[in-house]
Amino acid sequence: QVNHVEGRIVNEPSEFNQEEVETLARPCLNMLNRLTYEVTEIALDLPGINLEF
């Protein structure tokens, strides 16, 4: 996943506060959660497993 931060130069990941990190990571974590649910649902032939972040 690539995130573009407009109007700001970021040299180090530590320059982000916790809220910004969560906002930037949320789309990737949502995709991971969805894929995990779908794969475990198919593999186990049961309701899928939801990840909690």
C-alpha atoms as a PDB file:
ATOM      1  CA  GLN A   1       0.000   0.000   0.000  1.00  0.00           C
ATOM      2  CA  VAL A   2       1.217   3.460  -0.875  1.00  0.00           C
ATOM      3  CA  ASN A   3      -0.001   6.530   0.975  1.00  0.00           C
ATOM      4  CA  HIS A   4       0.635  10.002  -0.373  1.00  0.00           C
ATOM      5  CA  VAL A   5       0.748  12.823   2.163  1.00  0.00           C
ATOM      6  CA  GLU A   6       0.083  16.090   0.371  1.00  0.00           C
ATOM      7  CA  GLY A   7       1.465  19.372   1.617  1.00  0.00           C
ATOM      8  CA  ARG A   8       3.933  17.771   4.011  1.00  0.00           C
ATOM      9  CA  ILE A   9       7.423  16.328   3.744  1.00  0.00           C
ATOM     10  CA  VAL A  10       7.882  13.230   5.903  1.00  0.00           C
ATOM     11  CA  ASN A  11      11.407  12.012   6.554  1.00  0.00           C
ATOM     12  CA  GLU A  12      10.785   9.539   9.372  1.00  0.00           C
ATOM     13  CA  PRO A  13       7.744   7.470  10.401  1.00  0.00           C
ATOM     14  CA  SER A  14       8.123   8.876  13.912  1.00  0.00           C
ATOM     15  CA  GLU A  15       6.907  12.248  12.587  1.00  0.00           C
ATOM     16  CA  PHE A  16       3.311  10.908  12.580  1.00  0.00           C
ATOM     17  CA  ASN A  17       1.163  11.055  15.682  1.00  0.00           C
ATOM     18  CA  GLN A  18      -0.957   8.062  16.737  1.00  0.00           C
ATOM     19  CA  GLU A  19      -4.146   9.349  15.097  1.00  0.00           C
ATOM     20  CA  GLU A  20      -2.364   9.835  11.754  1.00  0.00           C
ATOM     21  CA  VAL A  21      -0.858   6.342  11.927  1.00  0.00           C
ATOM     22  CA  GLU A  22      -4.280   4.812  12.551  1.00  0.00           C
ATOM     23  CA  THR A  23      -5.833   6.806   9.696  1.00  0.00           C
ATOM     24  CA  LEU A  24      -3.113   5.765   7.249  1.00  0.00           C
ATOM     25  CA  ALA A  25      -3.134   2.102   8.312  1.00  0.00           C
ATOM     26  CA  ARG A  26      -6.926   1.626   8.445  1.00  0.00           C
ATOM     27  CA  PRO A  27      -7.513   0.777   4.715  1.00  0.00           C
ATOM     28  CA  CYS A  28      -4.802  -1.892   4.758  1.00  0.00           C
ATOM     29  CA  LEU A  29      -6.077  -3.385   8.020  1.00  0.00           C
ATOM     30  CA  ASN A  30      -9.642  -3.445   6.679  1.00  0.00           C
ATOM     31  CA  MET A  31      -8.475  -5.348   3.608  1.00  0.00           C
ATOM     32  CA  LEU A  32      -6.495  -7.804   5.743  1.00  0.00           C
ATOM     33  CA  ASN A  33      -9.526  -8.382   7.963  1.00  0.00           C
ATOM     34  CA  ARG A  34     -11.821  -8.986   4.977  1.00  0.00           C
ATOM     35  CA  LEU A  35      -9.398 -11.388   3.281  1.00  0.00           C
ATOM     36  CA  THR A  36      -8.828 -13.306   6.530  1.00  0.00           C
ATOM     37  CA  TYR A  37     -12.570 -13.665   7.011  1.00  0.00           C
ATOM     38  CA  GLU A  38     -13.143 -14.889   3.451  1.00  0.00           C
ATOM     39  CA  VAL A  39     -10.222 -17.349   3.429  1.00  0.00           C
ATOM     40  CA  THR A  40     -11.103 -18.873   6.819  1.00  0.00           C
ATOM     41  CA  GLU A  41     -14.768 -19.115   5.804  1.00  0.00           C
ATOM     42  CA  ILE A  42     -13.830 -21.108   2.695  1.00  0.00           C
ATOM     43  CA  ALA A  43     -11.085 -23.179   4.331  1.00  0.00           C
ATOM     44  CA  LEU A  44     -13.069 -24.153   7.439  1.00  0.00           C
ATOM     45  CA  ASP A  45     -16.528 -24.266   5.828  1.00  0.00           C
ATOM     46  CA  LEU A  46     -17.705 -22.252   8.832  1.00  0.00           C
ATOM     47  CA  PRO A  47     -18.309 -18.567   9.481  1.00  0.00           C
ATOM     48  CA  GLY A  48     -15.043 -16.700   8.958  1.00  0.00           C
ATOM     49  CA  ILE A  49     -12.720 -15.375  11.619  1.00  0.00           C
ATOM     50  CA  ASN A  50     -12.748 -11.629  12.315  1.00  0.00           C
ATOM     51  CA  LEU A  51      -9.495  -9.983  13.355  1.00  0.00           C
ATOM     52  CA  GLU A  52      -9.610  -7.277  16.017  1.00  0.00           C
ATOM     53  CA  PHE A  53      -7.154  -4.388  15.677  1.00  0.00           C
END
